[in-house]
Protein backbone atom coordinates (compact mmCIF):
# COMPACT_ATOMS: atom_id res chain seq x y z
CA MET A 1 -12.40 -15.42 8.76
CA VAL A 2 -11.28 -15.98 5.19
CA ALA A 3 -13.51 -19.36 3.49
CA ASP A 4 -11.72 -22.10 2.22
CA ARG A 5 -11.62 -20.69 -1.05
CA LYS A 6 -8.51 -19.89 -4.38
CA PRO A 7 -8.64 -16.55 -6.21
CA GLN A 8 -9.55 -16.99 -9.51
CA SER A 9 -6.27 -16.95 -11.72
CA GLN A 10 -6.28 -13.71 -14.01
CA ILE A 11 -3.85 -13.26 -16.98
CA PRO A 12 -1.52 -10.20 -16.27
CA GLY A 13 -2.49 -7.21 -18.98
CA ASP A 14 -6.01 -8.42 -19.50
CA ARG A 15 -7.42 -6.42 -16.14
CA PRO A 16 -5.57 -4.18 -14.30
CA ILE A 17 -4.57 -4.53 -10.43
CA ALA A 18 -6.66 -2.18 -8.57
CA CYS A 19 -5.04 -0.49 -5.90
CA PHE A 20 -7.57 1.25 -3.61
CA GLY A 21 -6.42 4.42 -1.67
CA GLU A 22 -5.13 7.87 -1.90
CA ALA A 23 -2.89 9.99 -4.07
CA ILE A 24 -0.99 12.77 -1.94
CA THR A 25 1.58 15.43 -2.60
CA ASP A 26 4.36 14.96 -0.50
CA LEU A 27 6.74 18.18 0.61
CA ILE A 28 9.82 16.75 1.32
CA CYS A 29 12.95 18.37 3.35
CA GLU A 30 15.52 16.47 1.50
CA ARG A 31 18.22 16.53 4.54
CA ASN A 32 17.97 14.87 7.66
CA LEU A 33 17.27 17.49 10.50
CA MET A 34 19.40 17.61 14.22
CA ALA A 35 16.94 17.48 17.10
CA GLY A 36 14.96 20.98 17.16
CA GLU A 37 16.19 22.15 13.98
CA THR A 38 13.79 23.79 11.54
CA ALA A 39 13.64 23.04 7.61
CA ASP A 40 14.45 25.66 5.11
CA CYS A 41 13.63 23.87 2.29
CA TYR A 42 10.43 21.53 0.57
CA VAL A 43 10.83 19.75 -2.69
CA PRO A 44 7.27 18.42 -4.08
CA HIS A 45 6.85 14.55 -5.02
CA PRO A 46 4.12 12.39 -5.56
CA GLY A 47 2.88 10.09 -2.80
CA GLY A 48 0.10 8.42 -1.09
CA ALA A 49 0.49 4.63 0.15
CA LEU A 50 -1.67 3.08 -2.79
CA ALA A 51 -0.39 5.53 -5.40
CA ASN A 52 3.12 4.52 -4.60
CA VAL A 53 2.04 0.87 -4.57
CA ALA A 54 0.70 1.25 -8.20
CA VAL A 55 3.71 3.11 -9.61
CA ALA A 56 5.71 0.09 -8.07
CA VAL A 57 3.24 -2.46 -10.15
CA ALA A 58 3.39 -0.36 -13.32
CA ARG A 59 7.28 -0.05 -13.25
CA ALA A 60 7.10 -3.91 -12.86
CA GLY A 61 5.33 -4.49 -16.21
CA VAL A 62 1.86 -5.47 -14.97
CA SER A 63 -1.54 -3.26 -15.41
CA VAL A 64 -2.80 -1.19 -12.73
CA ALA A 65 -5.18 1.25 -11.82
CA LEU A 66 -5.36 3.65 -8.87
CA VAL A 67 -8.86 3.74 -7.65
CA GLY A 68 -9.35 6.86 -5.43
CA GLY A 69 -9.74 10.44 -5.65
CA VAL A 70 -8.00 14.00 -5.91
CA GLY A 71 -8.80 17.66 -5.67
CA ASP A 72 -9.39 19.62 -8.71
CA ASP A 73 -6.43 22.03 -7.81
CA ARG A 74 -2.89 21.89 -9.43
CA TRP A 75 -1.59 19.42 -7.31
CA GLY A 76 -4.81 17.00 -8.32
CA SER A 77 -3.93 17.51 -12.12
CA TRP A 78 -0.31 16.91 -11.43
CA LEU A 79 -0.19 14.12 -9.29
CA GLY A 80 -2.70 12.44 -12.38
CA GLU A 81 -0.45 13.23 -15.02
CA THR A 82 2.72 12.00 -12.83
CA LEU A 83 0.63 8.62 -12.38
CA GLU A 84 -0.55 8.13 -16.29
CA SER A 85 3.31 9.08 -17.11
CA GLU A 86 4.19 5.92 -14.96
CA GLY A 87 1.62 3.88 -16.73
CA VAL A 88 -0.86 3.75 -14.02
CA SER A 89 -4.56 4.15 -15.33
CA THR A 90 -6.39 7.02 -13.59
CA LYS A 91 -9.78 6.22 -15.33
CA TRP A 92 -11.06 5.18 -11.74
CA LEU A 93 -9.65 8.69 -9.94
CA ALA A 94 -12.35 11.03 -9.07
CA ARG A 95 -11.69 14.67 -9.33
CA LEU A 96 -13.45 16.18 -6.63
CA GLU A 97 -14.74 20.10 -7.46
CA ARG A 98 -14.03 22.73 -5.26
CA ALA A 99 -11.84 20.24 -2.92
CA GLU A 100 -7.99 20.75 -2.28
CA THR A 101 -5.54 17.59 -2.61
CA PRO A 102 -4.00 16.78 0.59
CA VAL A 103 -0.34 17.67 1.05
CA ALA A 104 2.10 15.83 3.74
CA VAL A 105 4.88 17.61 5.05
CA VAL A 106 7.67 15.01 5.57
CA GLU A 107 11.08 15.32 7.54
CA PHE A 108 13.59 13.00 8.10
CA GLY A 109 15.21 13.24 11.62
CA PRO A 110 18.63 12.19 12.68
CA ASP A 111 17.57 8.39 12.31
CA ASN A 112 16.60 8.80 8.63
CA GLU A 113 13.18 7.95 9.57
CA PRO A 114 10.18 10.34 8.11
CA SER A 115 7.57 12.01 10.13
CA PHE A 116 4.40 13.30 8.58
CA ARG A 117 1.93 16.30 9.13
CA VAL A 118 -0.82 16.14 6.51
CA TYR A 119 -3.15 19.06 5.65
CA GLY A 120 -6.12 19.35 3.73
CA GLU A 121 -7.51 15.89 4.73
CA GLN A 122 -9.74 14.59 2.01
CA ILE A 123 -9.57 11.15 2.13
CA GLY A 124 -13.16 10.24 3.19
CA PRO A 125 -14.79 12.89 0.64
CA THR A 126 -12.42 11.19 -2.08
CA MET A 127 -12.95 7.36 -0.96
CA ALA A 128 -16.56 8.21 -1.19
CA ALA A 129 -16.28 10.01 -4.88
CA THR A 130 -15.32 6.42 -6.12
CA SER A 131 -18.79 5.31 -5.30
CA GLY A 132 -20.34 6.07 -9.10
CA PHE A 133 -17.72 3.58 -10.79
CA LEU A 134 -16.27 1.47 -7.57
CA HIS A 135 -18.33 -1.77 -9.03
CA GLU A 136 -17.23 -1.30 -12.76
CA ALA A 137 -13.31 -0.86 -11.12
CA VAL A 138 -13.41 -3.62 -8.92
CA THR A 139 -15.20 -6.18 -11.09
CA GLY A 140 -13.17 -5.01 -14.06
CA SER A 141 -9.70 -5.46 -11.85
CA SER A 142 -7.98 -8.61 -11.55
CA ALA A 143 -6.93 -8.19 -8.29
CA LEU A 144 -7.63 -5.72 -5.19
CA ILE A 145 -4.63 -3.77 -2.81
CA VAL A 146 -6.04 -1.83 0.07
CA GLY A 147 -4.34 -0.56 3.36
CA SER A 148 -5.75 0.68 6.85
CA ASN A 149 -5.49 4.27 5.68
CA THR A 150 -9.13 3.92 4.15
CA MET A 151 -10.57 2.75 7.56
CA VAL A 152 -9.93 5.65 10.03
CA GLY A 153 -13.64 7.72 8.87
CA GLU A 154 -16.40 5.84 8.74
CA THR A 155 -17.16 7.11 5.19
CA GLU A 156 -14.62 5.77 3.40
CA ARG A 157 -14.27 2.76 5.99
CA GLU A 158 -17.80 1.52 4.21
CA VAL A 159 -16.53 2.35 0.90
CA THR A 160 -13.75 0.32 1.37
CA ARG A 161 -15.57 -2.60 2.84
CA ARG A 162 -17.75 -2.66 0.01
CA ALA A 163 -14.79 -2.91 -2.50
CA ILE A 164 -13.30 -5.69 -0.63
CA GLU A 165 -16.77 -7.69 -0.48
CA LEU A 166 -17.22 -6.75 -4.37
CA ALA A 167 -13.52 -8.43 -4.94
CA ARG A 168 -14.25 -11.56 -2.85
CA ASP A 169 -17.68 -12.09 -4.54
CA ARG A 170 -16.15 -12.04 -8.08
CA GLY A 171 -12.99 -14.58 -6.60
CA ARG A 172 -10.73 -11.47 -7.10
CA PRO A 173 -7.57 -12.02 -4.62
CA VAL A 174 -7.31 -9.33 -2.29
CA LEU A 175 -3.93 -7.98 -1.14
CA LEU A 176 -3.16 -5.72 2.46
CA ASP A 177 -0.62 -3.78 3.23
CA PRO A 178 -1.56 -2.21 6.84
CA ASN A 179 0.68 0.80 6.11
CA TYR A 180 -0.21 1.65 9.83
CA ARG A 181 0.41 5.60 10.42
CA PRO A 182 -0.05 6.42 14.17
CA ASN A 183 -0.62 10.15 13.26
CA ARG A 184 -4.02 9.31 11.57
CA TRP A 185 -5.32 7.29 14.52
CA ALA A 186 -7.12 8.78 17.63
CA LYS A 187 -6.15 5.32 19.34
CA VAL A 188 -3.82 2.61 18.73
CA GLU A 189 -6.60 0.12 19.64
CA THR A 190 -8.90 1.33 16.94
CA ALA A 191 -6.03 0.70 14.32
CA ILE A 192 -5.40 -2.61 15.31
CA GLU A 193 -9.08 -3.78 15.58
CA PHE A 194 -9.51 -2.37 12.10
CA CYS A 195 -5.79 -3.82 10.75
CA ARG A 196 -7.52 -6.99 12.17
CA GLU A 197 -10.73 -6.94 10.27
CA LEU A 198 -8.89 -6.31 6.82
CA THR A 199 -6.73 -9.21 7.70
CA GLY A 200 -9.38 -11.58 7.90
CA VAL A 201 -10.71 -10.72 4.62
CA SER A 202 -7.73 -10.60 2.88
CA ASP A 203 -6.05 -13.51 0.72
CA VAL A 204 -2.58 -11.86 0.72
CA ILE A 205 -1.15 -9.67 3.80
CA LYS A 206 2.04 -7.84 3.75
CA LEU A 207 3.26 -6.24 6.52
CA ASN A 208 6.36 -4.57 8.63
CA ARG A 209 7.94 -5.52 11.89
CA THR A 210 5.95 -3.01 13.76
CA GLU A 211 2.78 -3.67 12.07
CA ALA A 212 3.20 -7.60 12.71
CA GLU A 213 3.68 -6.97 16.58
CA LEU A 214 0.60 -5.05 16.57
CA ILE A 215 -1.66 -7.12 15.15
CA THR A 216 -0.65 -10.36 16.73
CA GLY A 217 1.45 -9.38 19.88
CA ASN A 218 4.58 -11.24 19.09
CA SER A 219 7.88 -9.94 18.50
CA ASP A 220 9.10 -13.24 16.72
CA LEU A 221 8.49 -12.60 12.92
CA LEU A 222 8.00 -16.00 11.68
CA THR A 223 5.80 -16.67 14.42
CA ALA A 224 3.77 -13.57 14.02
CA ALA A 225 3.60 -14.66 10.23
CA ARG A 226 2.06 -17.93 11.29
CA ASP A 227 -0.66 -16.29 13.63
CA LEU A 228 -1.35 -14.07 11.00
CA VAL A 229 -2.33 -16.84 8.69
CA THR A 230 -4.48 -18.03 11.48
CA LEU A 231 -6.86 -14.91 10.71
CA GLY A 232 -7.56 -15.83 7.62
CA PRO A 233 -4.72 -15.02 4.86
CA ALA A 234 -3.58 -17.80 2.56
CA LEU A 235 -0.20 -16.06 2.84
CA ALA A 236 1.59 -14.02 5.39
CA VAL A 237 4.81 -11.57 4.29
CA VAL A 238 6.69 -9.89 6.84
CA THR A 239 9.55 -7.49 6.38
CA ASP A 240 11.89 -6.23 8.80
CA GLY A 241 13.18 -3.45 7.30
CA THR A 242 16.85 -3.71 5.30
CA GLY A 243 16.69 -7.43 7.27
CA THR A 244 15.12 -10.69 6.65
CA VAL A 245 11.55 -11.18 5.15
CA PHE A 246 9.58 -14.06 6.18
CA THR A 247 6.56 -15.90 4.51
CA ALA A 248 3.94 -17.87 6.04
CA GLY A 249 0.87 -20.18 5.23
CA ALA A 250 1.13 -20.93 1.00
CA ILE A 251 4.84 -21.76 1.91
CA GLU A 252 7.17 -20.74 4.69
CA GLU A 253 10.15 -18.91 3.10
CA VAL A 254 13.04 -17.08 4.93
CA HIS A 255 14.79 -14.73 2.40
CA HIS A 256 17.88 -12.75 3.43
CA PRO A 257 18.21 -9.58 1.08
CA GLU A 258 21.46 -7.95 0.05
CA GLN A 259 21.80 -4.67 1.89
CA VAL A 260 21.87 -1.31 -0.38
CA PRO A 261 22.54 2.02 0.04
CA THR A 262 19.84 4.01 1.80
CA VAL A 263 19.17 8.06 1.03
CA SER A 264 15.57 7.75 2.73
CA PRO A 265 13.40 4.68 3.53
CA LEU A 266 10.28 6.65 2.49
CA GLY A 267 8.04 4.46 0.25
CA ALA A 268 9.96 1.04 0.42
CA GLY A 269 7.41 -0.68 1.99
CA ASP A 270 5.10 0.59 -0.50
CA ALA A 271 7.44 -0.46 -3.45
CA PHE A 272 7.85 -4.02 -2.03
CA MET A 273 4.19 -4.48 -2.10
CA GLY A 274 3.74 -3.14 -5.52
CA GLY A 275 6.90 -5.64 -6.46
CA LEU A 276 5.13 -8.70 -4.33
CA ALA A 277 1.83 -7.92 -6.04
CA ALA A 278 3.30 -7.77 -9.96
CA GLY A 279 5.18 -10.71 -9.22
CA LEU A 280 2.43 -12.82 -8.22
CA ALA A 281 0.08 -11.67 -10.64
CA ARG A 282 2.72 -12.83 -13.51
CA ARG A 283 2.70 -16.43 -11.61
CA GLY A 284 -1.26 -16.70 -11.86
CA TRP A 285 -1.36 -16.00 -8.02
CA ASP A 286 0.22 -19.30 -7.42
CA LEU A 287 1.04 -17.98 -3.88
CA GLU A 288 3.37 -21.20 -3.18
CA LEU A 289 5.87 -19.23 -5.72
CA VAL A 290 6.16 -16.53 -3.48
CA GLY A 291 9.79 -17.36 -3.25
CA GLU A 292 10.70 -16.77 -6.54
CA VAL A 293 8.56 -13.46 -6.32
CA LEU A 294 10.43 -12.30 -2.90
CA PRO A 295 13.93 -11.07 -4.77
CA GLU A 296 11.69 -8.80 -7.47
CA ALA A 297 9.79 -7.16 -4.05
CA VAL A 298 13.21 -6.35 -2.62
CA GLY A 299 14.48 -4.90 -5.62
CA SER A 300 11.71 -2.58 -6.07
CA ALA A 301 11.94 -1.44 -2.47
CA ALA A 302 15.41 -1.29 -3.36
CA ALA A 303 14.79 1.40 -6.16
CA ALA A 304 12.83 3.50 -3.77
CA VAL A 305 15.19 3.89 -1.28
CA ARG A 306 17.87 5.52 -3.40
CA GLY A 307 16.02 9.12 -3.67
CA TRP A 308 14.21 11.23 -0.88
CA GLY A 309 10.77 10.69 -2.70
CA ALA A 310 8.53 7.25 -2.23
CA GLN A 311 8.12 6.76 -5.87
């Protein structure tokens, strides 16, 4: 459980927000496939949940860095260059010798929901490669954003726990987006266990309907948000796809965003998280002002759904 403590306010731009996690290449079939249909063409896009969050933070005008790693191949170089071009610092992005950067094959069905097949999974080694600069990265940042993907394997799990410990010791806000991906977990019960662990050591949790129901067992989203706060966070933000956004904890808000045309939902949640983090950072991490931030976060998500790629 989180002790009664208020994260130290940081001046946006003074220290970057640290996004702790993966950068991968998404190979996307840019059309909806009918049942049983085989894709005939894929287009490369930069991806990775925390890389997507970092890009959204940068586009919102707040200093940000990705803490993670890529292979020393062409995909890794391309991802690093793309992040830099977006204004994301890669000073804490390791390049692993003789390692391949992971590639995700992404396809969309008739319902426009994405499916993923990840090849060259290197999240354990890439996150372990941050150990040499982890202390500098976390203590030199204004906040830490994490997800559950770095809790799947024992190696990256321990590095994640260490990063959170460093952030909490320094009074840095810890933000969590579970970003639950069923294909990464052998058992859903394990995913729930670690998501609840991360929830208990976070100051802010942002999650979607599926994740809120998994963690709390409650299908009423406002009640689920309240339940999440009892686990530790000072603020819970629950989204319902293109529908209502609920908050609980520091303040209860209900936000009804306008509907926007959607090409694909890929990366919308990551963009929302980036907009949320950037907005709270600009307000000195005053969580009671989240109502002012929600339209910004929704705007970031709306921009993400205009194309096939997550960024």
